Protein backbone atom coordinates (compact mmCIF):
# COMPACT_ATOMS: atom_id res chain seq x y z
CA MET A 1 77.75 138.46 161.87
CA PRO A 2 78.29 137.19 158.37
CA GLY A 3 74.66 136.59 157.24
CA SER A 4 73.85 140.39 159.04
CA MET A 5 76.95 142.08 156.69
CA LYS A 6 75.49 139.91 153.37
CA THR A 7 72.20 140.79 154.15
CA ASN A 8 73.26 144.76 154.10
CA THR A 9 75.66 144.75 150.70
CA GLN A 10 72.67 143.31 148.57
CA PRO A 11 70.86 146.44 149.43
CA GLN A 12 74.35 148.27 147.89
CA LEU A 13 74.83 146.75 145.07
CA GLN A 14 71.40 147.24 143.71
CA ASN A 15 71.04 150.78 144.63
CA THR A 16 74.95 150.69 142.62
CA ASN A 17 73.52 148.99 139.83
CA ARG A 18 70.16 151.12 139.34
CA SER A 19 72.62 154.56 139.54
CA PHE A 20 74.73 153.01 136.75
CA LEU A 21 71.98 152.14 134.81
CA ASN A 22 70.62 155.65 135.38
CA ASN A 23 73.68 157.38 134.52
CA PHE A 24 73.99 155.30 131.30
CA LEU A 25 70.30 155.84 130.11
CA MET A 26 71.06 159.73 130.58
CA PHE A 27 74.53 159.44 128.61
CA LEU A 28 72.42 158.03 125.43
CA MET A 29 69.71 160.72 126.26
CA VAL A 30 72.41 162.83 126.04
CA LEU A 31 74.15 161.20 123.20
CA LEU A 32 71.18 161.49 120.46
CA ILE A 33 69.87 164.96 121.86
CA THR A 34 73.74 166.03 120.74
CA LEU A 35 73.79 164.16 117.31
CA SER A 36 70.36 165.15 116.78
CA THR A 37 71.46 168.70 117.24
CA MET A 38 74.17 168.28 114.94
CA LEU A 39 72.57 166.35 112.08
CA THR A 40 70.03 169.68 112.09
CA GLN A 41 72.96 172.04 111.75
CA CYS A 42 74.31 169.96 109.08
CA GLN A 43 70.87 169.81 107.03
CA SER A 44 70.77 173.86 107.57
CA GLN A 45 74.27 174.59 106.72
CA LYS A 46 73.76 172.13 103.74
CA THR A 47 70.30 174.07 102.95
CA THR A 48 72.15 177.78 103.28
CA SER A 49 75.87 176.67 102.11
CA SER A 50 77.59 178.77 99.23
CA ASP A 51 78.27 175.04 98.18
CA SER A 52 74.75 175.02 96.90
CA PRO A 53 73.93 174.91 93.38
CA VAL A 54 73.60 178.24 92.28
CA PRO A 55 70.10 178.73 90.27
CA ALA A 56 70.78 179.17 86.60
CA PHE A 57 68.04 182.66 86.91
CA TYR A 58 70.28 184.47 89.29
CA LYS A 59 72.20 185.47 85.80
CA TRP A 60 69.12 187.15 84.80
CA ALA A 61 68.97 189.80 87.46
CA PRO A 62 73.17 190.00 88.86
CA LYS A 63 72.32 193.09 90.36
CA PRO A 64 69.10 194.83 91.91
CA PRO A 65 66.60 195.86 89.15
CA MET A 66 65.88 199.24 88.24
CA GLY A 67 63.00 199.68 86.64
CA TRP A 68 59.67 202.05 86.91
CA ASN A 69 56.12 200.85 87.83
CA SER A 70 53.01 202.34 86.80
CA TRP A 71 50.84 201.41 90.35
CA ASP A 72 52.17 204.00 92.37
CA CYS A 73 50.55 206.80 89.83
CA TYR A 74 47.71 205.25 87.48
CA GLY A 75 46.67 201.55 89.57
CA PRO A 76 44.79 199.41 87.99
CA THR A 77 44.03 201.92 84.83
CA ILE A 78 47.46 202.51 83.05
CA VAL A 79 47.08 203.28 79.33
CA GLU A 80 49.44 202.49 76.47
CA SER A 81 50.33 205.97 75.67
CA GLU A 82 51.00 206.48 79.42
CA VAL A 83 53.48 203.19 79.20
CA LYS A 84 54.81 204.96 75.88
CA ALA A 85 55.66 208.52 77.38
CA ASN A 86 57.04 206.53 80.58
CA ALA A 87 59.19 204.70 78.54
CA ASP A 88 60.44 207.50 75.84
CA TYR A 89 61.68 209.36 78.93
CA MET A 90 63.42 206.36 80.58
CA ALA A 91 65.35 205.59 76.93
CA ASP A 92 66.01 209.88 76.99
CA HIS A 93 66.80 210.91 80.83
CA LEU A 94 67.67 207.65 82.55
CA LYS A 95 68.83 204.52 80.80
CA ASP A 96 72.60 205.43 80.60
CA PHE A 97 72.26 205.26 84.70
CA GLY A 98 71.24 202.09 84.89
CA TRP A 99 67.63 201.79 84.61
CA GLN A 100 65.54 199.45 81.97
CA TYR A 101 62.30 198.15 83.13
CA ILE A 102 59.01 198.90 82.69
CA VAL A 103 56.63 197.09 84.19
CA VAL A 104 52.82 197.68 83.92
CA ASP A 105 51.10 196.86 87.05
CA ILE A 106 47.57 195.35 87.93
CA ARG A 107 44.48 194.57 86.36
CA TRP A 108 45.41 195.57 82.73
CA TYR A 109 43.09 192.92 81.14
CA VAL A 110 39.81 194.35 83.07
CA ALA A 111 38.46 197.10 80.04
CA ASN A 112 36.55 199.52 83.05
CA ASP A 113 38.55 199.45 86.16
CA LYS A 114 38.78 202.89 88.13
CA SER A 115 41.15 204.81 90.64
CA GLY A 116 40.49 204.36 94.53
CA GLY A 117 39.85 200.76 94.41
CA TYR A 118 38.76 198.00 92.00
CA ASN A 119 36.12 197.54 90.14
CA GLU A 120 34.80 194.33 91.26
CA LYS A 121 30.97 194.99 90.82
CA ASP A 122 30.66 194.56 86.64
CA PRO A 123 34.60 194.26 85.54
CA VAL A 124 34.83 193.35 81.26
CA TYR A 125 37.66 191.16 81.66
CA ASN A 126 39.44 190.22 78.07
CA ILE A 127 40.58 186.49 78.03
CA ASP A 128 41.56 183.76 75.61
CA ASN A 129 39.36 180.40 74.98
CA TYR A 130 41.93 178.83 77.60
CA GLY A 131 41.65 180.99 80.44
CA ARG A 132 44.64 183.70 79.81
CA PHE A 133 44.02 187.38 80.59
CA LEU A 134 44.78 189.22 77.53
CA PRO A 135 45.18 193.24 77.68
CA ALA A 136 42.07 195.45 77.61
CA VAL A 137 41.86 196.52 73.74
CA ASN A 138 40.46 199.80 74.43
CA ARG A 139 43.32 200.56 77.17
CA PHE A 140 45.77 198.69 75.11
CA PRO A 141 45.10 199.83 71.16
CA SER A 142 48.00 197.90 69.83
CA SER A 143 46.87 194.27 71.73
CA ALA A 144 44.06 193.80 68.98
CA ASP A 145 43.60 190.86 66.87
CA GLY A 146 45.43 188.99 69.37
CA LYS A 147 48.52 190.34 69.09
CA GLY A 148 49.05 191.02 72.97
CA PHE A 149 51.41 192.94 74.75
CA LYS A 150 53.99 191.84 72.11
CA PRO A 151 53.63 195.48 69.86
CA LEU A 152 53.75 197.47 73.02
CA ALA A 153 57.03 194.76 74.21
CA ASP A 154 58.40 195.74 70.91
CA TYR A 155 58.30 199.32 71.14
CA ILE A 156 59.93 199.72 74.89
CA HIS A 157 62.70 196.88 73.10
CA SER A 158 63.10 199.57 70.49
CA LYS A 159 64.06 201.80 73.43
CA GLY A 160 66.89 199.51 74.47
CA LEU A 161 64.49 198.59 77.63
CA LYS A 162 62.80 195.65 79.31
CA PHE A 163 59.41 194.99 79.38
CA GLY A 164 57.11 193.52 82.58
CA ILE A 165 54.11 192.97 83.38
CA HIS A 166 51.74 192.39 86.47
CA VAL A 167 49.80 189.05 87.16
CA MET A 168 47.79 187.26 90.16
CA ARG A 169 48.11 184.27 91.65
CA GLY A 170 46.11 181.50 90.13
CA VAL A 171 43.52 180.81 87.58
CA PRO A 172 41.03 183.27 86.81
CA VAL A 173 37.39 182.79 88.38
CA ILE A 174 35.86 183.52 84.95
CA ALA A 175 37.84 180.50 83.54
CA VAL A 176 36.47 178.45 85.88
CA ARG A 177 32.89 179.51 85.94
CA ASP A 178 33.09 178.62 81.84
CA SER A 179 35.19 175.51 82.11
CA LEU A 180 37.90 176.99 79.53
CA PRO A 181 40.28 174.33 78.61
CA VAL A 182 43.66 174.26 79.78
CA LEU A 183 45.81 174.67 76.81
CA GLY A 184 47.25 171.00 75.27
CA THR A 185 45.52 168.56 78.44
CA ALA A 186 42.07 167.66 77.97
CA VAL A 187 41.34 169.28 81.35
CA THR A 188 39.60 172.62 82.37
CA ALA A 189 40.32 175.67 84.76
CA LYS A 190 37.22 173.64 86.82
CA ASP A 191 39.28 170.47 87.50
CA ILE A 192 42.41 172.45 88.33
CA TYR A 193 41.12 175.21 90.69
CA SER A 194 40.76 175.12 94.49
CA PRO A 195 38.27 177.86 96.29
CA ASP A 196 40.76 177.85 99.03
CA ASP A 197 43.60 180.59 100.10
CA GLN A 198 41.40 183.24 97.65
CA CYS A 199 43.28 186.71 97.37
CA MET A 200 41.72 188.34 100.62
CA TRP A 201 41.69 191.55 98.38
CA LEU A 202 40.68 190.79 95.12
CA LYS A 203 38.83 188.21 93.77
CA ASP A 204 39.61 187.82 90.07
CA MET A 205 41.33 184.31 90.79
CA TYR A 206 41.10 180.97 92.32
CA THR A 207 44.14 178.97 93.69
CA VAL A 208 45.40 176.43 91.43
CA ASP A 209 46.02 173.14 93.38
CA TYR A 210 49.03 171.73 92.52
CA LEU A 211 47.62 168.37 93.11
CA LYS A 212 45.53 168.20 90.21
CA LYS A 213 46.23 166.99 86.92
CA GLY A 214 46.61 169.97 84.73
CA ALA A 215 47.74 172.62 87.19
CA GLN A 216 51.31 173.14 86.31
CA ASP A 217 50.20 172.91 82.56
CA TYR A 218 47.96 175.99 83.10
CA TYR A 219 50.88 178.24 84.67
CA ASN A 220 53.01 176.56 81.54
CA SER A 221 50.32 178.21 79.41
CA ILE A 222 50.34 181.77 80.97
CA LEU A 223 53.98 182.17 80.83
CA LYS A 224 54.45 180.95 77.19
CA LEU A 225 51.89 183.38 76.38
CA TYR A 226 53.87 185.79 78.11
CA ALA A 227 57.66 184.82 76.64
CA SER A 228 55.72 185.12 73.01
CA TRP A 229 55.43 188.80 73.88
CA GLY A 230 58.25 189.40 74.76
CA VAL A 231 57.84 189.77 78.46
CA ASP A 232 61.15 190.42 80.57
CA PHE A 233 59.52 190.54 83.89
CA VAL A 234 56.75 189.85 85.88
CA LYS A 235 55.55 190.61 89.14
CA ILE A 236 53.23 188.19 90.08
CA ASP A 237 50.96 189.15 93.42
CA ASP A 238 48.98 187.13 96.08
CA LEU A 239 52.43 185.14 95.98
CA SER A 240 54.32 185.74 99.09
CA SER A 241 52.37 186.61 102.07
CA PRO A 242 50.49 184.33 102.84
CA TYR A 243 52.84 182.21 101.11
CA HIS A 244 52.64 179.97 98.75
CA ALA A 245 55.25 177.40 98.04
CA GLU A 246 53.65 174.96 95.41
CA GLU A 247 52.33 178.14 93.36
CA ILE A 248 55.49 179.59 94.08
CA GLU A 249 57.49 176.44 92.27
CA MET A 250 55.03 176.05 89.21
CA ILE A 251 55.59 179.38 88.70
CA ARG A 252 59.33 178.46 88.46
CA LYS A 253 59.14 175.79 86.64
CA ALA A 254 56.81 177.16 84.30
CA ILE A 255 59.39 180.21 83.76
CA ASP A 256 62.14 178.05 83.39
CA GLN A 257 60.07 176.07 80.30
CA THR A 258 59.79 178.97 78.21
CA GLY A 259 63.06 179.55 77.15
CA ARG A 260 63.08 182.86 78.09
CA LYS A 261 65.26 184.70 80.93
CA ILE A 262 61.75 186.26 82.73
CA VAL A 263 62.73 187.82 86.20
CA LEU A 264 60.83 186.96 88.96
CA SER A 265 59.12 189.55 91.50
CA THR A 266 57.14 188.29 94.05
CA SER A 267 54.50 190.21 96.04
CA PRO A 268 53.13 191.42 98.37
CA GLY A 269 55.13 191.01 101.71
CA PRO A 270 56.12 190.96 104.34
CA THR A 271 57.66 187.41 102.73
CA PRO A 272 57.99 185.14 106.06
CA PHE A 273 61.61 184.75 106.93
CA LYS A 274 60.84 180.75 107.72
CA ASP A 275 60.60 180.86 104.01
CA VAL A 276 64.05 182.36 102.94
CA ASN A 277 65.55 179.51 101.77
CA HIS A 278 62.54 178.56 99.09
CA ILE A 279 61.80 181.73 98.02
CA LYS A 280 65.72 181.91 97.17
CA GLN A 281 65.63 179.04 95.02
CA ASN A 282 62.68 180.41 93.66
CA ALA A 283 62.60 184.03 92.95
CA ASN A 284 65.05 186.96 91.75
CA MET A 285 63.27 189.53 93.94
CA TRP A 286 60.68 189.21 96.82
CA ARG A 287 58.87 191.85 99.00
CA THR A 288 60.09 192.33 102.40
CA VAL A 289 56.75 194.54 103.63
CA GLY A 290 53.42 195.48 102.38
CA ASP A 291 52.91 198.72 99.97
CA LEU A 292 55.13 201.42 100.74
CA TRP A 293 53.92 205.48 100.45
CA ASP A 294 54.97 208.38 100.66
CA ASN A 295 54.66 208.74 104.79
CA TRP A 296 57.46 208.98 107.33
CA PRO A 297 56.16 206.42 109.72
CA GLN A 298 56.65 203.65 106.85
CA LEU A 299 59.93 204.74 105.81
CA LYS A 300 61.07 204.81 109.59
CA GLU A 301 60.09 201.12 109.69
CA GLU A 302 62.10 200.11 106.80
CA PHE A 303 65.08 200.39 108.74
CA SER A 304 64.25 197.58 111.22
CA VAL A 305 62.71 195.49 108.23
CA LEU A 306 65.91 195.88 105.93
CA GLU A 307 68.44 195.83 108.77
CA ARG A 308 66.75 191.89 109.31
CA TRP A 309 66.66 191.19 105.70
CA ALA A 310 70.34 192.30 105.31
CA PRO A 311 72.28 189.07 105.65
CA TYR A 312 70.25 187.41 102.46
CA VAL A 313 70.74 189.85 99.78
CA SER A 314 72.79 188.34 97.39
CA GLU A 315 73.30 188.83 93.91
CA GLY A 316 70.66 187.46 91.79
CA ALA A 317 67.87 187.14 94.64
CA TRP A 318 67.01 190.52 96.25
CA PRO A 319 65.04 191.21 99.37
CA ASP A 320 62.45 194.08 97.71
CA GLY A 321 61.70 197.44 100.28
CA ASP A 322 59.07 197.76 97.41
CA MET A 323 58.63 200.67 95.06
CA LEU A 324 60.09 204.58 95.54
CA PRO A 325 57.05 206.41 96.14
CA LEU A 326 58.74 209.92 94.48
CA GLY A 327 57.78 212.44 91.99
CA HIS A 328 54.05 212.89 90.51
CA ILE A 329 52.28 209.74 92.54
CA GLY A 330 48.59 208.81 93.23
CA ILE A 331 47.45 210.26 89.65
CA ARG A 332 44.59 207.65 88.95
CA ALA A 333 45.98 205.24 92.05
CA GLU A 334 44.16 202.34 93.89
CA ARG A 335 44.20 205.09 96.99
CA GLY A 336 44.82 208.57 97.35
CA ALA A 337 45.04 212.14 94.98
CA GLY A 338 47.26 213.30 92.85
CA ARG A 339 50.35 214.63 94.47
CA MET A 340 54.15 215.01 94.84
CA SER A 341 55.48 213.10 97.18
CA ASN A 342 54.61 213.87 100.49
CA LEU A 343 58.02 212.79 102.04
CA THR A 344 60.06 215.61 102.65
CA ARG A 345 63.14 216.34 100.39
CA ASP A 346 64.87 214.69 103.09
CA GLU A 347 63.21 212.03 103.56
CA GLN A 348 63.31 211.34 100.13
CA TYR A 349 67.11 211.58 100.45
CA THR A 350 66.89 209.23 103.70
CA LEU A 351 64.67 206.60 101.07
CA MET A 352 67.25 206.41 98.63
CA THR A 353 70.41 206.39 100.70
CA LEU A 354 69.09 203.49 102.78
CA PHE A 355 67.46 201.38 99.25
CA SER A 356 70.66 201.91 98.03
CA ILE A 357 73.43 200.73 100.57
CA PHE A 358 70.88 197.88 101.31
CA ARG A 359 70.72 197.11 97.49
CA SER A 360 67.20 197.02 97.27
CA PRO A 361 65.60 196.54 94.01
CA LEU A 362 64.72 200.27 92.83
CA MET A 363 61.18 200.76 90.86
CA PHE A 364 60.39 204.29 90.82
CA GLY A 365 56.31 204.80 91.52
CA GLY A 366 56.22 208.09 90.00
CA ASN A 367 55.05 209.50 86.54
CA LEU A 368 58.51 209.89 84.94
CA PRO A 369 57.54 213.23 82.28
CA ASP A 370 56.61 214.64 85.19
CA ASN A 371 59.64 215.18 87.15
CA ASP A 372 60.86 218.35 88.51
CA ASP A 373 65.14 218.63 88.78
CA PHE A 374 64.73 217.50 92.51
CA THR A 375 63.52 214.30 92.08
CA LEU A 376 65.27 213.46 88.61
CA SER A 377 68.52 214.74 90.65
CA LEU A 378 67.32 211.84 93.11
CA ILE A 379 67.43 209.65 90.72
CA THR A 380 70.82 210.09 88.13
CA ASN A 381 73.67 210.34 91.19
CA LYS A 382 75.92 207.99 89.69
CA ASP A 383 77.64 207.42 92.66
CA VAL A 384 74.89 206.50 94.51
CA LEU A 385 73.48 204.30 91.81
CA ASP A 386 76.86 202.58 92.35
CA VAL A 387 76.65 201.89 95.87
CA ASN A 388 73.17 200.12 94.93
CA GLN A 389 74.34 198.16 91.86
CA HIS A 390 77.75 197.09 93.07
CA SER A 391 78.77 197.56 96.56
CA THR A 392 79.10 193.99 99.16
CA ASN A 393 78.55 193.16 102.86
CA GLY A 394 75.80 196.16 103.06
CA LYS A 395 74.38 195.86 106.93
CA GLN A 396 73.35 198.46 109.73
CA LEU A 397 76.42 199.43 111.60
CA PHE A 398 74.55 201.07 114.95
CA ARG A 399 71.33 202.69 116.31
CA ASP A 400 71.59 204.67 119.19
CA ASN A 401 68.23 206.44 119.83
CA ASP A 402 67.37 207.00 116.24
CA PHE A 403 71.06 207.88 114.93
CA ILE A 404 71.16 205.35 112.55
CA ALA A 405 74.88 204.20 110.81
CA TRP A 406 74.73 201.76 107.94
CA THR A 407 78.03 200.62 105.92
CA ALA A 408 79.45 198.49 102.70
CA ASP A 409 82.01 197.78 101.03
CA ASP A 410 83.50 198.53 97.57
CA PRO A 411 84.72 195.19 96.15
CA LYS A 412 87.03 197.14 93.58
CA SER A 413 88.95 199.84 95.78
CA GLY A 414 88.54 198.28 99.18
CA ASP A 415 86.72 201.34 100.25
CA LYS A 416 84.16 201.66 102.77
CA TYR A 417 80.44 203.41 102.33
CA LEU A 418 79.14 204.82 104.70
CA ALA A 419 75.27 205.88 105.21
CA LEU A 420 74.11 207.88 108.52
CA PHE A 421 70.60 208.91 109.32
CA ASN A 422 68.82 210.98 111.60
CA ALA A 423 65.46 209.20 112.43
CA ARG A 424 64.56 210.79 115.21
CA ASP A 425 60.98 212.72 115.29
CA SER A 426 61.45 215.03 117.96
CA SER A 427 64.53 216.54 116.93
CA ALA A 428 66.73 219.21 114.30
CA SER A 429 69.74 218.52 112.78
CA ALA A 430 72.54 217.13 114.75
CA GLU A 431 75.75 215.73 114.44
CA ILE A 432 76.19 211.77 113.76
CA SER A 433 80.20 210.22 114.49
CA VAL A 434 81.49 207.10 113.55
CA LYS A 435 84.68 205.73 114.77
CA PHE A 436 86.64 204.45 112.07
CA LYS A 437 87.61 201.46 114.19
CA LEU A 438 83.99 200.27 113.56
CA ILE A 439 84.65 199.83 110.15
CA GLY A 440 87.93 197.78 110.05
CA LEU A 441 90.03 201.24 109.47
CA THR A 442 92.65 203.19 111.56
CA GLY A 443 94.22 206.67 110.94
CA ALA A 444 93.49 209.38 108.28
CA HIS A 445 91.27 209.05 105.63
CA ALA A 446 89.88 210.98 102.58
CA VAL A 447 85.79 211.09 102.99
CA LYS A 448 83.84 212.02 100.06
CA ASP A 449 80.49 213.19 100.05
CA LEU A 450 78.37 210.86 97.66
CA TRP A 451 74.86 213.21 97.32
CA THR A 452 76.56 216.47 96.83
CA GLY A 453 80.11 215.29 95.15
CA GLU A 454 82.20 216.91 97.29
CA ASN A 455 85.65 215.80 99.00
CA LEU A 456 85.53 216.60 102.26
CA GLY A 457 89.26 216.13 103.11
CA ASN A 458 90.72 213.93 105.21
CA PHE A 459 89.41 212.75 108.77
CA THR A 460 91.58 210.66 111.82
CA ASP A 461 90.53 207.66 113.68
CA SER A 462 86.64 209.15 113.24
CA PHE A 463 84.63 210.38 110.93
CA VAL A 464 81.19 213.17 112.07
CA SER A 465 78.82 214.80 110.08
CA THR A 466 75.63 217.25 110.83
CA ILE A 467 72.43 214.66 109.47
CA ASN A 468 69.10 217.12 109.04
CA ARG A 469 66.21 215.57 110.83
CA HIS A 470 64.41 212.64 109.02
CA GLY A 471 67.90 212.70 106.35
CA ALA A 472 70.81 211.07 105.32
CA GLY A 473 74.09 211.38 104.62
CA LEU A 474 76.03 208.85 101.80
CA TYR A 475 79.93 208.93 102.05
CA ARG A 476 82.44 207.30 100.79
CA ILE A 477 85.76 206.64 103.01
CA HIS A 478 88.73 206.11 101.37
CA LEU A 479 91.65 203.93 102.14
CA LYS A 480 94.30 207.02 101.68
CA THR A 481 94.69 209.79 102.31
CA LYS A 482 93.46 211.73 99.17
CA PHE A 483 91.13 210.52 96.54
CA LEU A 484 92.93 208.92 92.90
């Protein structure tokens, strides 16, 4: 019997040891996974932490930039007199409201471009001996004799405004073809280019291969040229969709080396969410969508897009909902005929209200001298623009069957901003109600309509307003029961 018992015990011991070993291995596996997860979280927190160094260039755009861009009205055909006319109008009518940038959009270096697309059949480029595009003299006469955009920039600066230009990512195909030298180096454009990832919709440029000697020097040379002209803002296209991280970094470095405070805007959209930390470390503003035109389906899409981007809004780094297709657009544009914006008045209120409470940059697209009284009123409402320029914590409060509410804070007074939208397509005007507890308030509060300037009186526990189909309202909810 003892021998029999000994024989039975060995398998039990072996099973016990095997069980212990399996449990121990399982413990080690769980421990490793836990440590790996903690490390990943720490790295993520380190990347996005408020303790991370704030880039110096954030100070160059502490508020969402406000300006005019020639794209929506003139496409690739803008001429100097038209730029000056818009600058004159901004100086006379808009500067006191915070509008300051005048931006010349795409292909200012082509003498014979056209509306309704691009002239890619026989474009006449103006380019210097170092492969850097220069303004087409027939379109910008003051740029003659190698002056570039400096005389036009000087004119705009004399109005108390700032000057910007559009730039395509890369090195000109013509510079590569002609083996033009890169300034300050022994290499040519042919030595730094790559045919890979060429822009899909305009073939003026090749990719600059960051691994090649002279690549950074080329970007340094063009940004140095723009700085010498007095450029304050560059909108660089074909950069963020698809996302070109290496060229973004070269551009950032080139701007910083100029010694001039040049605001960087990347285009087109959508910028990938996976690259949010990278773009925030390199640009002042980046596109969240493709081109926004004057139609309701595109405008309605902005609600979900901007709701997703709202957590990433910060001073000096602005997600950009794209231009404001308002006023007289399509005059000689890349697409569409000349027209006053096809958005209804209610839809135009919605656009300005959403972009204001989200704090998107505001770049007006219409020909400013052709503004009617209504269009001018949209972009000179001080209370509404103050929400765009100074509010904090903008976010969507709810979306209930396309009744939408956004809220933000006034950091000075502690008041709440409330935006209401009726984005329904099948109904007329409708009442939208918001309980004060949803925005952290209780009791009675005075409410002001920011679009009309009317004090609406006191509301207790909730606020309700009738909003037109596709329309919006924007309100200040005062902490007290009367406005001071």
